[in-house]
Amino acid sequence: MGLQARRDERWDRPEGGSRLPEFEVFFRAHYRAVARLAHNVLGDFQAAQDVAQEVFLAAYRRFPGDYEQAAGWVRVAAVHSALNVLRGDRRRDKRQLLVQMVGSPPSVEDTVIEREARAELRRVLARLPRRSAAVLVMRHGGMSYVEIAEALGVKAGHVGTLLRRAESALRKEIDRETHS
């Protein structure tokens, strides 16, 4: 008698020694719906199949022999498990991004070059008219046009023009400094 025959024989025992035949019927009846729900959340067929497998394994353990009660549970569990996969992916992506950003510390040379560039920018800003320098610093500091307009006492529609003029003046001063 082969392994498959022994396995089939055990499943067919009338005394109910195994829950597998009942579970197999339950699995076949609900697998597509569970996998489809997971796929709708994840957008990835392979990941959805992994989620469905985990959900059915959990249902097998949680509802021994009472799979009618598990029908709704596996659908809800599929959605929740798929959402957990997405959350885990997001956390992993954030960690990887942080590792890339932190990476290695800047070299001494890079630090010196950056410091010199900032000092040069400060010297150039000091030579610009106060209003132009203020517009540039506020905008590149993250302020919106409305916030800049309120701070300078001008209309929000004028901020764009002031900003373009200030950027042009900044470029001219930088060119003058580098060509001197």
C-alpha atoms as a PDB file:
ATOM      1  CA  MET A   1       0.000   0.000   0.000  1.00  0.00           C
ATOM      2  CA  GLY A   2       1.509   3.330  -1.040  1.00  0.00           C
ATOM      3  CA  LEU A   3       1.760   6.475   1.055  1.00  0.00           C
ATOM      4  CA  GLN A   4      -1.167   8.092  -0.747  1.00  0.00           C
ATOM      5  CA  ALA A   5      -3.393   5.073  -0.118  1.00  0.00           C
ATOM      6  CA  ARG A   6      -2.590   5.116   3.622  1.00  0.00           C
ATOM      7  CA  ARG A   7      -3.288   8.831   3.776  1.00  0.00           C
ATOM      8  CA  ASP A   8      -6.646   8.385   2.007  1.00  0.00           C
ATOM      9  CA  GLU A   9      -7.512   5.490   4.284  1.00  0.00           C
ATOM     10  CA  ARG A  10      -6.860   7.615   7.388  1.00  0.00           C
ATOM     11  CA  TRP A  11      -9.018  10.455   6.034  1.00  0.00           C
ATOM     12  CA  ASP A  12     -11.950   8.150   5.393  1.00  0.00           C
ATOM     13  CA  ARG A  13     -12.133   6.801   8.968  1.00  0.00           C
ATOM     14  CA  PRO A  14     -15.673   6.991  10.270  1.00  0.00           C
ATOM     15  CA  GLU A  15     -14.539   7.727  13.811  1.00  0.00           C
ATOM     16  CA  GLY A  16     -13.302  11.146  12.661  1.00  0.00           C
ATOM     17  CA  GLY A  17      -9.618  10.631  13.390  1.00  0.00           C
ATOM     18  CA  SER A  18      -8.691  13.453  11.016  1.00  0.00           C
ATOM     19  CA  ARG A  19     -10.246  16.801  10.216  1.00  0.00           C
ATOM     20  CA  LEU A  20      -8.578  17.021   6.831  1.00  0.00           C
ATOM     21  CA  PRO A  21     -11.488  15.946   4.585  1.00  0.00           C
ATOM     22  CA  GLU A  22     -13.815  18.520   6.148  1.00  0.00           C
ATOM     23  CA  PHE A  23     -11.112  21.145   5.974  1.00  0.00           C
ATOM     24  CA  GLU A  24     -10.355  20.318   2.349  1.00  0.00           C
ATOM     25  CA  VAL A  25     -14.000  20.853   1.417  1.00  0.00           C
ATOM     26  CA  PHE A  26     -13.995  24.140   3.338  1.00  0.00           C
ATOM     27  CA  PHE A  27     -10.703  25.199   1.735  1.00  0.00           C
ATOM     28  CA  ARG A  28     -11.881  24.450  -1.798  1.00  0.00           C
ATOM     29  CA  ALA A  29     -15.148  26.308  -1.198  1.00  0.00           C
ATOM     30  CA  HIS A  30     -13.540  29.509   0.112  1.00  0.00           C
ATOM     31  CA  TYR A  31      -9.974  29.721  -1.213  1.00  0.00           C
ATOM     32  CA  ARG A  32     -10.728  31.787  -4.326  1.00  0.00           C
ATOM     33  CA  ALA A  33     -12.687  34.409  -2.407  1.00  0.00           C
ATOM     34  CA  VAL A  34      -9.978  34.704   0.255  1.00  0.00           C
ATOM     35  CA  ALA A  35      -7.151  34.917  -2.291  1.00  0.00           C
ATOM     36  CA  ARG A  36      -9.124  37.481  -4.329  1.00  0.00           C
ATOM     37  CA  LEU A  37      -9.666  39.676  -1.259  1.00  0.00           C
ATOM     38  CA  ALA A  38      -5.963  39.531  -0.406  1.00  0.00           C
ATOM     39  CA  HIS A  39      -5.070  40.289  -4.017  1.00  0.00           C
ATOM     40  CA  ASN A  40      -7.395  43.306  -4.045  1.00  0.00           C
ATOM     41  CA  VAL A  41      -5.522  44.712  -1.056  1.00  0.00           C
ATOM     42  CA  LEU A  42      -1.991  43.788  -2.115  1.00  0.00           C
ATOM     43  CA  GLY A  43      -2.121  43.927  -5.902  1.00  0.00           C
ATOM     44  CA  ASP A  44       0.342  41.014  -5.984  1.00  0.00           C
ATOM     45  CA  PHE A  45      -0.905  37.526  -6.793  1.00  0.00           C
ATOM     46  CA  GLN A  46       1.981  35.664  -5.133  1.00  0.00           C
ATOM     47  CA  ALA A  47       1.722  37.673  -1.915  1.00  0.00           C
ATOM     48  CA  ALA A  48      -2.056  37.145  -1.933  1.00  0.00           C
ATOM     49  CA  GLN A  49      -1.560  33.383  -2.149  1.00  0.00           C
ATOM     50  CA  ASP A  50       0.843  33.538   0.802  1.00  0.00           C
ATOM     51  CA  VAL A  51      -1.722  35.462   2.826  1.00  0.00           C
ATOM     52  CA  ALA A  52      -4.475  32.999   1.890  1.00  0.00           C
ATOM     53  CA  GLN A  53      -2.299  30.086   2.960  1.00  0.00           C
ATOM     54  CA  GLU A  54      -1.583  31.696   6.340  1.00  0.00           C
ATOM     55  CA  VAL A  55      -5.260  32.491   6.864  1.00  0.00           C
ATOM     56  CA  PHE A  56      -6.389  28.936   6.135  1.00  0.00           C
ATOM     57  CA  LEU A  57      -3.705  27.498   8.377  1.00  0.00           C
ATOM     58  CA  ALA A  58      -4.893  29.785  11.175  1.00  0.00           C
ATOM     59  CA  ALA A  59      -8.517  28.758  10.514  1.00  0.00           C
ATOM     60  CA  TYR A  60      -7.563  25.078  10.667  1.00  0.00           C
ATOM     61  CA  ARG A  61      -6.055  25.619  14.101  1.00  0.00           C
ATOM     62  CA  ARG A  62      -8.718  28.026  15.381  1.00  0.00           C
ATOM     63  CA  PHE A  63     -11.891  26.210  14.268  1.00  0.00           C
ATOM     64  CA  PRO A  64     -11.245  22.474  14.692  1.00  0.00           C
ATOM     65  CA  GLY A  65     -14.051  20.785  12.802  1.00  0.00           C
ATOM     66  CA  ASP A  66     -16.426  23.789  12.864  1.00  0.00           C
ATOM     67  CA  TYR A  67     -15.610  25.304   9.495  1.00  0.00           C
ATOM     68  CA  GLU A  68     -19.066  26.754   8.875  1.00  0.00           C
ATOM     69  CA  GLN A  69     -18.310  29.327  11.543  1.00  0.00           C
ATOM     70  CA  ALA A  70     -14.926  30.044   9.920  1.00  0.00           C
ATOM     71  CA  ALA A  71     -16.323  31.106   6.521  1.00  0.00           C
ATOM     72  CA  GLY A  72     -16.743  34.777   7.430  1.00  0.00           C
ATOM     73  CA  TRP A  73     -13.687  34.774   9.637  1.00  0.00           C
ATOM     74  CA  VAL A  74     -11.310  33.758   6.814  1.00  0.00           C
ATOM     75  CA  ARG A  75     -12.504  36.633   4.647  1.00  0.00           C
ATOM     76  CA  VAL A  76     -11.993  39.212   7.376  1.00  0.00           C
ATOM     77  CA  ALA A  77      -8.672  37.630   8.326  1.00  0.00           C
ATOM     78  CA  ALA A  78      -7.545  37.791   4.685  1.00  0.00           C
ATOM     79  CA  VAL A  79      -8.124  41.535   4.540  1.00  0.00           C
ATOM     80  CA  HIS A  80      -6.470  42.155   7.904  1.00  0.00           C
ATOM     81  CA  SER A  81      -3.498  39.936   7.073  1.00  0.00           C
ATOM     82  CA  ALA A  82      -3.032  41.620   3.691  1.00  0.00           C
ATOM     83  CA  LEU A  83      -3.124  45.037   5.352  1.00  0.00           C
ATOM     84  CA  ASN A  84      -0.503  43.829   7.827  1.00  0.00           C
ATOM     85  CA  VAL A  85       1.689  42.775   4.909  1.00  0.00           C
ATOM     86  CA  LEU A  86       1.355  46.259   3.418  1.00  0.00           C
ATOM     87  CA  ARG A  87       2.205  47.869   6.752  1.00  0.00           C
ATOM     88  CA  GLY A  88       5.210  45.616   7.136  1.00  0.00           C
ATOM     89  CA  ASP A  89       6.374  46.500   3.618  1.00  0.00           C
ATOM     90  CA  ARG A  90       6.037  50.215   4.391  1.00  0.00           C
ATOM     91  CA  ARG A  91       8.009  49.880   7.617  1.00  0.00           C
ATOM     92  CA  ARG A  92      10.720  47.909   5.833  1.00  0.00           C
ATOM     93  CA  ASP A  93      10.876  50.483   3.025  1.00  0.00           C
ATOM     94  CA  LYS A  94      11.200  53.305   5.564  1.00  0.00           C
ATOM     95  CA  ARG A  95      14.006  51.491   7.370  1.00  0.00           C
ATOM     96  CA  GLN A  96      15.840  50.867   4.110  1.00  0.00           C
ATOM     97  CA  LEU A  97      15.433  54.500   3.105  1.00  0.00           C
ATOM     98  CA  LEU A  98      16.791  55.642   6.458  1.00  0.00           C
ATOM     99  CA  VAL A  99      19.759  53.319   6.103  1.00  0.00           C
ATOM    100  CA  GLN A 100      20.445  54.703   2.623  1.00  0.00           C
ATOM    101  CA  MET A 101      20.077  58.283   3.831  1.00  0.00           C
ATOM    102  CA  VAL A 102      22.261  57.761   6.869  1.00  0.00           C
ATOM    103  CA  GLY A 103      24.609  55.539   4.912  1.00  0.00           C
ATOM    104  CA  SER A 104      28.062  56.753   5.567  1.00  0.00           C
ATOM    105  CA  PRO A 105      28.897  60.082   7.144  1.00  0.00           C
ATOM    106  CA  PRO A 106      30.076  62.783   4.746  1.00  0.00           C
ATOM    107  CA  SER A 107      33.791  62.989   4.231  1.00  0.00           C
ATOM    108  CA  VAL A 108      35.798  65.835   5.721  1.00  0.00           C
ATOM    109  CA  GLU A 109      36.236  67.214   2.221  1.00  0.00           C
ATOM    110  CA  ASP A 110      32.466  67.217   1.582  1.00  0.00           C
ATOM    111  CA  THR A 111      31.853  68.911   4.930  1.00  0.00           C
ATOM    112  CA  VAL A 112      34.408  71.641   4.178  1.00  0.00           C
ATOM    113  CA  ILE A 113      33.025  72.208   0.668  1.00  0.00           C
ATOM    114  CA  GLU A 114      29.463  72.456   2.013  1.00  0.00           C
ATOM    115  CA  ARG A 115      30.547  74.875   4.741  1.00  0.00           C
ATOM    116  CA  GLU A 116      32.346  77.068   2.185  1.00  0.00           C
ATOM    117  CA  ALA A 117      29.323  77.036  -0.127  1.00  0.00           C
ATOM    118  CA  ARG A 118      27.056  78.158   2.709  1.00  0.00           C
ATOM    119  CA  ALA A 119      29.486  80.918   3.672  1.00  0.00           C
ATOM    120  CA  GLU A 120      29.612  82.092   0.053  1.00  0.00           C
ATOM    121  CA  LEU A 121      25.829  82.092  -0.139  1.00  0.00           C
ATOM    122  CA  ARG A 122      25.617  84.158   3.051  1.00  0.00           C
ATOM    123  CA  ARG A 123      28.098  86.718   1.629  1.00  0.00           C
ATOM    124  CA  VAL A 124      26.078  86.979  -1.582  1.00  0.00           C
ATOM    125  CA  LEU A 125      22.780  87.282   0.311  1.00  0.00           C
ATOM    126  CA  ALA A 126      24.294  90.085   2.391  1.00  0.00           C
ATOM    127  CA  ARG A 127      24.992  92.067  -0.810  1.00  0.00           C
ATOM    128  CA  LEU A 128      21.398  91.697  -2.076  1.00  0.00           C
ATOM    129  CA  PRO A 129      18.681  94.196  -1.161  1.00  0.00           C
ATOM    130  CA  ARG A 130      17.072  93.175   2.147  1.00  0.00           C
ATOM    131  CA  ARG A 131      13.698  92.413   0.610  1.00  0.00           C
ATOM    132  CA  SER A 132      15.211  90.124  -2.063  1.00  0.00           C
ATOM    133  CA  ALA A 133      17.299  88.273   0.494  1.00  0.00           C
ATOM    134  CA  ALA A 134      14.287  87.940   2.798  1.00  0.00           C
ATOM    135  CA  VAL A 135      12.063  86.532   0.015  1.00  0.00           C
ATOM    136  CA  LEU A 136      14.691  83.941  -0.908  1.00  0.00           C
ATOM    137  CA  VAL A 137      15.336  82.864   2.661  1.00  0.00           C
ATOM    138  CA  MET A 138      11.622  82.629   3.482  1.00  0.00           C
ATOM    139  CA  ARG A 139      10.724  80.649   0.357  1.00  0.00           C
ATOM    140  CA  HIS A 140      13.634  78.228   0.601  1.00  0.00           C
ATOM    141  CA  GLY A 141      12.919  77.936   4.306  1.00  0.00           C
ATOM    142  CA  GLY A 142       9.562  76.371   3.426  1.00  0.00           C
ATOM    143  CA  MET A 143       7.160  79.304   3.694  1.00  0.00           C
ATOM    144  CA  SER A 144       4.226  79.484   1.276  1.00  0.00           C
ATOM    145  CA  TYR A 145       3.531  82.459  -0.975  1.00  0.00           C
ATOM    146  CA  VAL A 146       0.666  83.496   1.332  1.00  0.00           C
ATOM    147  CA  GLU A 147       2.907  83.382   4.412  1.00  0.00           C
ATOM    148  CA  ILE A 148       5.603  85.415   2.625  1.00  0.00           C
ATOM    149  CA  ALA A 149       3.028  87.959   1.464  1.00  0.00           C
ATOM    150  CA  GLU A 150       1.767  88.397   5.033  1.00  0.00           C
ATOM    151  CA  ALA A 151       5.311  88.748   6.366  1.00  0.00           C
ATOM    152  CA  LEU A 152       6.276  91.375   3.757  1.00  0.00           C
ATOM    153  CA  GLY A 153       2.937  93.160   3.659  1.00  0.00           C
ATOM    154  CA  VAL A 154       2.352  92.560  -0.068  1.00  0.00           C
ATOM    155  CA  LYS A 155      -0.296  90.732  -2.085  1.00  0.00           C
ATOM    156  CA  ALA A 156       0.224  86.997  -2.535  1.00  0.00           C
ATOM    157  CA  GLY A 157       0.188  87.468  -6.323  1.00  0.00           C
ATOM    158  CA  HIS A 158       3.283  89.671  -6.096  1.00  0.00           C
ATOM    159  CA  VAL A 159       5.410  87.105  -4.257  1.00  0.00           C
ATOM    160  CA  GLY A 160       6.192  85.112  -7.408  1.00  0.00           C
ATOM    161  CA  THR A 161       7.513  88.214  -9.150  1.00  0.00           C
ATOM    162  CA  LEU A 162       9.560  89.226  -6.114  1.00  0.00           C
ATOM    163  CA  LEU A 163      10.961  85.698  -5.906  1.00  0.00           C
ATOM    164  CA  ARG A 164      11.958  85.575  -9.596  1.00  0.00           C
ATOM    165  CA  ARG A 165      13.653  88.966  -9.338  1.00  0.00           C
ATOM    166  CA  ALA A 166      15.483  87.911  -6.168  1.00  0.00           C
ATOM    167  CA  GLU A 167      16.661  84.665  -7.782  1.00  0.00           C
ATOM    168  CA  SER A 168      17.899  86.592 -10.799  1.00  0.00           C
ATOM    169  CA  ALA A 169      19.786  89.041  -8.566  1.00  0.00           C
ATOM    170  CA  LEU A 170      21.257  86.125  -6.628  1.00  0.00           C
ATOM    171  CA  ARG A 171      22.506  84.469  -9.822  1.00  0.00           C
ATOM    172  CA  LYS A 172      24.126  87.712 -10.962  1.00  0.00           C
ATOM    173  CA  GLU A 173      25.897  88.163  -7.621  1.00  0.00           C
ATOM    174  CA  ILE A 174      27.113  84.563  -7.624  1.00  0.00           C
ATOM    175  CA  ASP A 175      28.439  84.986 -11.185  1.00  0.00           C
ATOM    176  CA  ARG A 176      30.143  88.206 -10.168  1.00  0.00           C
ATOM    177  CA  GLU A 177      31.768  86.487  -7.156  1.00  0.00           C
ATOM    178  CA  THR A 178      33.003  83.483  -9.137  1.00  0.00           C
ATOM    179  CA  HIS A 179      34.407  85.624 -11.972  1.00  0.00           C
ATOM    180  CA  SER A 180      36.221  88.043  -9.665  1.00  0.00           C
END
